Structures are given as structure tokens and as C-alpha cells.
Amino acid sequence: MQGKILIHHEKCKGCRLCMTFCPKGCIRVSAKLNAKGYAYAECDPDKPCTGCGTCALMCPEAIIEVYRE
């Protein structure tokens, strides 16, 4: 099963919990900053997401949506 995640960048505070707990390492820190000045989380296009949903469960801001294809 393949997955896709959508991270609402402008709401991300860069806590990195999603990155820490992603079993496949699919999430990385962006080189860009959002409007609040945080280096936000983003998907790494080189690492396939399985859609497990761990990132969404760990996000304290609840800004990650997981889709399974």
C-alpha cells in the first residue's frame, strides 16, 4: 500500500516529532521557513510513504493528513 501525506506548512512549528517517529524516514526539514519563521516539515520525495499514519498521530498541532492509495 502506498501513502501520501499533506502537511500544512504554515501551521507547522518544526517540533520534528513526525520526523522522529516516521518508520520509513519519509519526512525531512525544509530549507525554507514558514511565515512564523519555523523550518517546517515536508515530504522527502525520494522516500516512499506507506501511509501508516504515525506522523499524523504524533503531530501535536494535528496538521498532517494521511491518504492511502
Protein backbone atom coordinates (compact mmCIF):
# COMPACT_ATOMS: atom_id res chain seq x y z
CA MET A 1 0.00 0.00 0.00
CA GLN A 2 1.30 3.43 -0.88
CA GLY A 3 0.52 6.57 1.02
CA LYS A 4 0.73 10.30 0.69
CA ILE A 5 0.84 12.92 3.40
CA LEU A 6 -0.19 16.54 3.33
CA ILE A 7 1.49 18.82 5.85
CA HIS A 8 0.00 22.26 6.41
CA HIS A 9 3.32 24.14 6.32
CA GLU A 10 2.10 27.45 7.67
CA LYS A 11 0.85 25.79 10.86
CA CYS A 12 3.97 23.67 11.43
CA LYS A 13 6.17 24.69 14.38
CA GLY A 14 9.07 22.44 13.40
CA CYS A 15 8.96 20.22 16.51
CA ARG A 16 10.20 17.26 14.42
CA LEU A 17 8.09 14.65 16.19
CA CYS A 18 6.71 13.48 12.84
CA MET A 19 10.26 13.02 11.55
CA THR A 20 11.41 11.22 14.67
CA PHE A 21 8.62 8.66 14.62
CA CYS A 22 8.24 8.06 10.86
CA PRO A 23 9.31 4.41 10.43
CA LYS A 24 10.41 5.00 6.82
CA GLY A 25 12.11 8.39 7.29
CA CYS A 26 9.80 9.99 4.73
CA ILE A 27 9.74 13.42 6.34
CA ARG A 28 12.53 15.97 6.40
CA VAL A 29 13.11 19.57 7.50
CA SER A 30 12.53 22.10 4.76
CA ALA A 31 15.28 24.53 3.81
CA LYS A 32 12.57 27.21 3.73
CA LEU A 33 10.80 28.95 6.60
CA ASN A 34 7.09 29.50 7.01
CA ALA A 35 5.52 32.89 7.85
CA LYS A 36 6.15 32.32 11.57
CA GLY A 37 9.86 31.68 10.96
CA TYR A 38 9.86 27.92 11.53
CA ALA A 39 11.71 25.43 9.34
CA TYR A 40 8.71 23.23 8.66
CA ALA A 41 8.38 19.52 7.94
CA GLU A 42 7.96 18.33 4.37
CA CYS A 43 7.80 15.03 2.49
CA ASP A 44 11.03 13.64 1.12
CA PRO A 45 10.15 12.74 -2.50
CA ASP A 46 12.96 10.16 -2.63
CA LYS A 47 11.49 8.01 0.18
CA PRO A 48 8.12 6.34 -0.36
CA CYS A 49 5.42 6.84 2.25
CA THR A 50 3.46 3.75 3.32
CA GLY A 51 0.51 5.71 4.73
CA CYS A 52 0.92 4.26 8.22
CA GLY A 53 -0.33 7.47 9.85
CA THR A 54 2.24 7.60 12.64
CA CYS A 55 3.27 11.13 11.71
CA ALA A 56 -0.31 12.39 11.99
CA LEU A 57 -0.76 10.70 15.37
CA MET A 58 2.44 12.22 16.75
CA CYS A 59 1.85 15.77 15.49
CA PRO A 60 0.83 17.94 18.47
CA GLU A 61 -0.68 20.53 16.13
CA ALA A 62 -2.75 17.95 14.17
CA ILE A 63 -1.70 19.45 10.83
CA ILE A 64 -0.83 16.27 8.92
CA GLU A 65 -3.33 14.47 6.71
CA VAL A 66 -2.60 10.92 5.55
CA TYR A 67 -4.01 9.43 2.36
CA ARG A 68 -3.71 5.77 1.34
CA GLU A 69 -3.82 4.78 -2.32
